[in-house]
Amino acid sequence: MTGRKTITIAGATGAQGGALARAILGADGGVGAEFAVRAVTRRPDSERAAELARLGALVVYGDQDDPSSLGPAFEGAYGAYLVTNFWEHMSADREQAQAAALARAAGHAGVQHAIWSTLEDTRDCIPVEDTRMPTLQGRYKVPHFDGKAEADQLFLDAGLPTTFLRSTFYWENLLGMFAPRREEDGVLTLALPMGTSRLSGIAVADIGRTALEIFERGTDLIGATVSIAGEHLTVAEMAAALGDTLGEPVRYQPVDPDAFRAAGFPGAEEAGNMFQYYADCADRFARARDLDEVRLLDPQLQSFATWLAAHRDELRAALAA
């Protein structure tokens, strides 16, 4: 690693952190030759950590809920990729505490360029008093959006040179909890509360490649907010593309947001509010994500069809599970 600048990646075994690590290490089409990876995880003995180590990362321990563990992870690092995982605990307050710990640790270590993985404040489009959707956790419409947006100020307060990177719905979600389901009539069905609105989506690998390009541009994007997506599609269009990939029809079934929130799975209210925000605020959300601009940062930016072709076998496995 001699002569290369170290990028400390918080949450390196997660989706976004792992994508950046793999991009730097050349595993997902990125080649971050000027950087070395210091991968921070609570579980250095995990399979994902071992994979990063095999690719060339230095894996170190760090726990976002234990601020005292974070200092050594950032010591001597040039850059830092900072991401939190709301879905692990589903508490916006806890996520903000984690963000504060990351900002303090990176700032104290003198990190020269941080990327904070954040999202829009949905209350700019749907205020707290708006009755279209319930208010959650006391003051949020979509806590995992709004809590991150509030945390942006923490990085400014810490004096940390930061680029604010706003992503969107991962297409990889279609391999898990939002995968199409086979209904009693035998037809694969994609049921989401999006109406006819476009859903901005992205492949996780493209988040990593975009973040790498931001670091490679040096100071150019410090202080900037960079909003990214791979494509803006209606869910009916997504269902048709899924059908083409799988070789059988996939039906889009619009769901009422209230019914989705009442589905009873963990995080249903949060997810229902998220999709309603995506639907009701789709135009302004997409306008912030100019695909031509994103492609300047990531020339390999995938369309939904390209992503589907690369994940055909995983999709079929997810449907068979």
Protein backbone atom coordinates (compact mmCIF):
# COMPACT_ATOMS: atom_id res chain seq x y z
CA MET A 1 0.00 0.00 0.00
CA THR A 2 3.10 2.23 0.01
CA GLY A 3 2.54 5.51 -1.80
CA ARG A 4 -1.21 5.12 -2.04
CA LYS A 5 -3.73 7.28 -0.19
CA THR A 6 -5.84 5.40 2.30
CA ILE A 7 -9.64 5.55 2.07
CA THR A 8 -11.32 4.44 5.28
CA ILE A 9 -14.69 2.89 4.47
CA ALA A 10 -17.20 2.73 7.30
CA GLY A 11 -19.68 -0.10 6.84
CA ALA A 12 -17.32 -1.77 4.38
CA THR A 13 -19.13 -5.12 4.53
CA GLY A 14 -22.47 -3.49 3.67
CA ALA A 15 -23.90 -2.76 0.23
CA GLN A 16 -22.53 0.73 -0.46
CA GLY A 17 -19.28 0.44 1.47
CA GLY A 18 -18.59 -2.92 -0.11
CA ALA A 19 -19.29 -1.50 -3.58
CA LEU A 20 -16.74 1.28 -3.09
CA ALA A 21 -14.16 -1.13 -1.68
CA ARG A 22 -14.63 -3.43 -4.67
CA ALA A 23 -14.42 -0.51 -7.10
CA ILE A 24 -11.13 0.70 -5.60
CA LEU A 25 -9.76 -2.85 -5.56
CA GLY A 26 -10.77 -3.44 -9.18
CA ALA A 27 -13.44 -6.07 -8.54
CA ASP A 28 -16.47 -4.20 -9.96
CA GLY A 29 -15.03 -2.40 -12.95
CA GLY A 30 -13.39 0.43 -11.01
CA VAL A 31 -9.63 0.85 -10.81
CA GLY A 32 -8.67 3.10 -7.92
CA ALA A 33 -4.93 2.68 -8.39
CA GLU A 34 -4.05 5.71 -6.28
CA PHE A 35 -5.99 4.50 -3.24
CA ALA A 36 -5.72 1.78 -0.62
CA VAL A 37 -8.74 0.47 1.29
CA ARG A 38 -9.08 0.36 5.04
CA ALA A 39 -12.32 -1.56 5.58
CA VAL A 40 -14.08 -0.88 8.89
CA THR A 41 -16.48 -3.46 10.28
CA ARG A 42 -17.82 -4.71 13.59
CA ARG A 43 -17.15 -8.24 12.36
CA PRO A 44 -13.61 -8.54 10.99
CA ASP A 45 -13.99 -12.32 11.08
CA SER A 46 -17.06 -12.36 8.80
CA GLU A 47 -17.14 -13.90 5.33
CA ARG A 48 -17.57 -10.51 3.68
CA ALA A 49 -14.60 -9.08 5.57
CA ALA A 50 -12.50 -12.07 4.52
CA GLU A 51 -13.45 -11.48 0.88
CA LEU A 52 -12.34 -7.84 1.09
CA ALA A 53 -9.07 -8.92 2.68
CA ARG A 54 -8.52 -11.38 -0.19
CA LEU A 55 -9.03 -8.53 -2.65
CA GLY A 56 -6.39 -6.46 -0.89
CA ALA A 57 -8.19 -4.40 1.77
CA LEU A 58 -6.86 -3.88 5.28
CA VAL A 59 -9.75 -4.96 7.51
CA VAL A 60 -10.03 -3.24 10.89
CA TYR A 61 -12.52 -3.25 13.75
CA GLY A 62 -14.84 -0.32 14.33
CA ASP A 63 -18.35 -0.02 15.79
CA GLN A 64 -20.46 3.03 14.97
CA ASP A 65 -22.27 2.61 18.30
CA ASP A 66 -18.92 2.79 20.14
CA PRO A 67 -17.27 6.11 19.24
CA SER A 68 -14.06 5.18 21.08
CA SER A 69 -13.48 2.35 18.57
CA LEU A 70 -13.54 4.65 15.53
CA GLY A 71 -10.50 6.86 16.08
CA PRO A 72 -7.83 4.32 15.04
CA ALA A 73 -9.84 3.44 11.93
CA PHE A 74 -9.44 6.97 10.55
CA GLU A 75 -5.92 7.74 11.77
CA GLY A 76 -3.70 8.72 8.84
CA ALA A 77 -6.45 8.26 6.24
CA TYR A 78 -6.69 10.66 3.32
CA GLY A 79 -10.38 10.02 2.68
CA ALA A 80 -13.42 8.42 4.25
CA TYR A 81 -16.67 6.95 2.98
CA LEU A 82 -19.28 7.30 5.70
CA VAL A 83 -22.51 5.33 5.59
CA THR A 84 -24.96 4.16 8.24
CA ASN A 85 -27.53 1.36 8.10
CA PHE A 86 -30.97 2.46 9.30
CA TRP A 87 -32.56 -0.88 8.44
CA GLU A 88 -30.43 -2.70 10.98
CA HIS A 89 -32.23 -1.01 13.90
CA MET A 90 -34.82 1.33 12.27
CA SER A 91 -34.14 4.26 14.59
CA ALA A 92 -33.43 7.69 13.09
CA ASP A 93 -32.07 8.92 16.44
CA ARG A 94 -29.59 6.05 16.61
CA GLU A 95 -28.57 6.64 13.01
CA GLN A 96 -27.90 10.30 13.77
CA ALA A 97 -25.79 9.33 16.80
CA GLN A 98 -23.76 7.04 14.55
CA ALA A 99 -23.34 9.82 11.98
CA ALA A 100 -22.15 12.19 14.72
CA ALA A 101 -19.59 9.61 15.89
CA LEU A 102 -18.29 9.17 12.33
CA ALA A 103 -18.08 12.92 11.72
CA ARG A 104 -16.18 13.52 14.95
CA ALA A 105 -13.75 10.64 14.40
CA ALA A 106 -12.99 11.57 10.79
CA GLY A 107 -12.71 15.27 11.63
CA HIS A 108 -10.41 14.64 14.60
CA ALA A 109 -8.17 12.44 12.43
CA GLY A 110 -7.79 15.21 9.85
CA VAL A 111 -9.42 13.36 6.96
CA GLN A 112 -9.01 15.55 3.88
CA HIS A 113 -12.09 14.38 1.95
CA ALA A 114 -15.15 12.56 3.26
CA ILE A 115 -18.18 11.34 1.38
CA TRP A 116 -21.33 11.15 3.51
CA SER A 117 -24.01 8.85 2.08
CA THR A 118 -27.19 10.81 2.65
CA LEU A 119 -30.69 11.34 1.26
CA GLU A 120 -33.27 14.08 0.76
CA ASP A 121 -35.36 15.50 3.59
CA THR A 122 -38.78 14.26 2.50
CA ARG A 123 -40.47 16.93 4.62
CA ASP A 124 -39.43 19.51 2.02
CA CYS A 125 -42.01 17.87 -0.25
CA ILE A 126 -44.41 16.37 2.30
CA PRO A 127 -44.41 18.46 5.50
CA VAL A 128 -44.92 16.86 8.90
CA GLU A 129 -48.44 18.30 9.13
CA ASP A 130 -49.39 16.81 5.74
CA THR A 131 -51.90 14.01 6.31
CA ARG A 132 -51.12 12.12 3.11
CA MET A 133 -48.90 9.82 5.17
CA PRO A 134 -48.38 9.25 8.89
CA THR A 135 -45.60 10.96 10.83
CA LEU A 136 -43.16 8.39 12.23
CA GLN A 137 -40.81 8.44 15.22
CA GLY A 138 -42.26 11.74 16.36
CA ARG A 139 -41.08 14.12 13.64
CA TYR A 140 -40.26 12.31 10.41
CA LYS A 141 -42.16 11.30 7.31
CA VAL A 142 -39.50 8.85 6.09
CA PRO A 143 -37.08 8.47 9.01
CA HIS A 144 -34.22 6.86 7.08
CA PHE A 145 -34.32 9.78 4.62
CA ASP A 146 -35.01 12.63 7.02
CA GLY A 147 -32.61 11.50 9.74
CA LYS A 148 -29.73 11.36 7.25
CA ALA A 149 -30.67 14.77 5.85
CA GLU A 150 -30.65 16.28 9.35
CA ALA A 151 -27.25 14.66 9.96
CA ASP A 152 -25.71 16.57 7.02
CA GLN A 153 -25.14 19.51 9.36
CA LEU A 154 -23.06 17.34 11.70
CA PHE A 155 -20.35 17.02 9.05
CA LEU A 156 -20.31 20.76 8.47
CA ASP A 157 -20.15 21.40 12.21
CA ALA A 158 -17.18 19.03 12.49
CA GLY A 159 -15.31 21.08 9.87
CA LEU A 160 -14.94 17.94 7.77
CA PRO A 161 -14.41 18.52 4.00
CA THR A 162 -17.42 16.58 2.76
CA THR A 163 -19.20 15.63 -0.44
CA PHE A 164 -22.86 14.74 0.17
CA LEU A 165 -23.81 11.75 -1.98
CA ARG A 166 -27.53 11.04 -2.38
CA SER A 167 -28.41 7.65 -3.86
CA THR A 168 -31.81 6.02 -4.34
CA PHE A 169 -33.67 2.68 -4.46
CA TYR A 170 -31.27 -0.22 -5.02
CA TRP A 171 -32.33 -2.58 -7.80
CA GLU A 172 -30.79 -5.30 -5.62
CA ASN A 173 -33.91 -4.93 -3.44
CA LEU A 174 -35.68 -6.89 -6.18
CA LEU A 175 -33.57 -9.89 -5.18
CA GLY A 176 -34.90 -9.72 -1.62
CA MET A 177 -37.88 -8.29 0.20
CA PHE A 178 -39.30 -6.50 -2.86
CA ALA A 179 -38.86 -9.38 -5.28
CA PRO A 180 -41.78 -10.36 -7.53
CA ARG A 181 -44.06 -13.00 -5.93
CA ARG A 182 -45.94 -15.77 -7.66
CA GLU A 183 -49.65 -15.31 -7.00
CA GLU A 184 -52.30 -18.04 -6.76
CA ASP A 185 -53.03 -17.69 -10.48
CA GLY A 186 -49.38 -18.56 -11.17
CA VAL A 187 -48.39 -15.12 -12.47
CA LEU A 188 -45.32 -13.38 -11.10
CA THR A 189 -46.44 -10.08 -9.59
CA LEU A 190 -44.53 -6.97 -8.59
CA ALA A 191 -46.73 -5.23 -6.01
CA LEU A 192 -45.63 -1.76 -4.93
CA PRO A 193 -47.44 1.46 -3.96
CA MET A 194 -46.07 3.58 -6.82
CA GLY A 195 -49.12 4.14 -9.03
CA THR A 196 -47.96 5.38 -12.43
CA SER A 197 -45.04 7.39 -11.03
CA ARG A 198 -41.44 6.69 -11.99
CA LEU A 199 -39.16 5.00 -9.48
CA SER A 200 -35.56 6.18 -9.63
CA GLY A 201 -33.29 3.17 -9.17
CA ILE A 202 -29.63 2.28 -9.26
CA ALA A 203 -27.28 -0.69 -9.15
CA VAL A 204 -25.22 -0.78 -5.97
CA ALA A 205 -21.99 -1.21 -7.96
CA ASP A 206 -22.64 2.16 -9.59
CA ILE A 207 -22.78 3.86 -6.19
CA GLY A 208 -19.30 2.51 -5.53
CA ARG A 209 -17.91 3.59 -8.90
CA THR A 210 -19.44 7.06 -8.52
CA ALA A 211 -17.92 7.47 -5.06
CA LEU A 212 -14.52 6.42 -6.41
CA GLU A 213 -14.70 9.06 -9.14
CA ILE A 214 -15.62 11.70 -6.54
CA PHE A 215 -12.46 10.83 -4.60
CA GLU A 216 -10.39 10.81 -7.80
CA ARG A 217 -11.51 14.36 -8.58
CA GLY A 218 -9.73 15.57 -5.45
CA THR A 219 -11.22 18.74 -3.99
CA ASP A 220 -13.55 19.49 -6.93
CA LEU A 221 -16.72 18.21 -5.27
CA ILE A 222 -16.05 19.07 -1.62
CA GLY A 223 -19.12 20.89 -0.34
CA ALA A 224 -21.26 19.65 -3.24
CA THR A 225 -24.37 17.51 -3.13
CA VAL A 226 -24.24 14.79 -5.79
CA SER A 227 -27.54 13.00 -6.46
CA ILE A 228 -27.41 9.80 -8.48
CA ALA A 229 -29.62 7.20 -10.18
CA GLY A 230 -29.23 4.70 -13.00
CA GLU A 231 -32.65 5.09 -14.62
CA HIS A 232 -36.12 6.51 -13.91
CA LEU A 233 -38.84 3.95 -14.76
CA THR A 234 -42.45 3.30 -13.88
CA VAL A 235 -42.92 0.04 -12.00
CA ALA A 236 -45.02 -1.21 -14.93
CA GLU A 237 -41.95 -0.68 -17.14
CA MET A 238 -39.79 -2.45 -14.59
CA ALA A 239 -42.21 -5.39 -14.49
CA ALA A 240 -42.14 -5.67 -18.29
CA ALA A 241 -38.33 -5.65 -18.28
CA LEU A 242 -38.29 -8.31 -15.55
CA GLY A 243 -40.61 -10.42 -17.68
CA ASP A 244 -38.32 -10.10 -20.70
CA THR A 245 -35.35 -11.19 -18.58
CA LEU A 246 -37.11 -14.11 -16.89
CA GLY A 247 -38.88 -15.32 -20.00
CA GLU A 248 -42.37 -15.12 -18.51
CA PRO A 249 -44.84 -12.30 -17.82
CA VAL A 250 -44.41 -10.20 -14.67
CA ARG A 251 -47.51 -8.24 -13.70
CA TYR A 252 -47.37 -4.89 -11.94
CA GLN A 253 -49.97 -4.61 -9.21
CA PRO A 254 -50.34 -1.10 -7.78
CA VAL A 255 -50.97 -1.16 -4.03
CA ASP A 256 -52.67 1.46 -1.90
CA PRO A 257 -50.02 3.04 0.37
CA ASP A 258 -52.19 2.54 3.48
CA ALA A 259 -52.55 -1.16 2.65
CA PHE A 260 -48.80 -1.46 2.16
CA ARG A 261 -48.11 0.24 5.50
CA ALA A 262 -50.52 -2.20 7.16
CA ALA A 263 -48.85 -5.30 5.67
CA GLY A 264 -47.29 -6.18 9.02
CA PHE A 265 -43.70 -6.97 8.02
CA PRO A 266 -40.90 -5.24 9.97
CA GLY A 267 -40.50 -1.71 8.63
CA ALA A 268 -43.76 -1.77 6.64
CA GLU A 269 -44.75 1.74 7.71
CA GLU A 270 -41.32 3.10 6.87
CA ALA A 271 -41.25 1.36 3.48
CA GLY A 272 -44.83 2.45 2.72
CA ASN A 273 -43.96 6.07 3.43
CA MET A 274 -40.78 5.74 1.37
CA PHE A 275 -42.63 4.49 -1.71
CA GLN A 276 -45.36 7.11 -1.30
CA TYR A 277 -42.66 9.79 -1.16
CA TYR A 278 -41.03 8.33 -4.28
CA ALA A 279 -44.43 8.40 -6.00
CA ASP A 280 -45.78 11.76 -4.84
CA CYS A 281 -42.46 13.58 -5.30
CA ALA A 282 -41.19 11.63 -8.32
CA ASP A 283 -40.65 14.54 -10.68
CA ARG A 284 -38.55 16.65 -8.32
CA PHE A 285 -36.64 13.54 -7.19
CA ALA A 286 -35.79 12.59 -10.78
CA ARG A 287 -34.89 16.17 -11.75
CA ALA A 288 -32.19 16.14 -9.08
CA ARG A 289 -30.70 13.05 -10.76
CA ASP A 290 -29.65 14.00 -14.30
CA LEU A 291 -28.50 10.71 -15.80
CA ASP A 292 -26.11 12.42 -18.23
CA GLU A 293 -24.41 14.12 -15.29
CA VAL A 294 -24.23 10.84 -13.36
CA ARG A 295 -22.68 9.17 -16.40
CA LEU A 296 -19.87 11.75 -16.37
CA LEU A 297 -18.94 10.39 -12.94
CA ASP A 298 -19.61 6.77 -13.84
CA PRO A 299 -19.23 6.03 -17.57
CA GLN A 300 -20.21 2.41 -16.86
CA LEU A 301 -23.58 3.47 -15.37
CA GLN A 302 -26.00 0.58 -15.83
CA SER A 303 -29.52 0.79 -17.16
CA PHE A 304 -32.14 -1.41 -15.54
CA ALA A 305 -32.00 -3.80 -18.52
CA THR A 306 -28.22 -4.10 -18.20
CA TRP A 307 -28.50 -4.79 -14.49
CA LEU A 308 -31.21 -7.40 -15.09
CA ALA A 309 -29.11 -9.23 -17.66
CA ALA A 310 -26.21 -9.43 -15.22
CA HIS A 311 -28.45 -10.74 -12.41
CA ARG A 312 -30.71 -13.14 -14.31
CA ASP A 313 -29.55 -16.20 -12.38
CA GLU A 314 -29.85 -14.44 -9.01
CA LEU A 315 -33.38 -13.33 -9.88
CA ARG A 316 -34.38 -16.86 -10.76
CA ALA A 317 -32.83 -18.15 -7.53
CA ALA A 318 -34.70 -15.50 -5.52
CA LEU A 319 -38.00 -16.54 -7.11
CA ALA A 320 -37.31 -20.20 -6.42
CA ALA A 321 -36.53 -19.60 -2.73
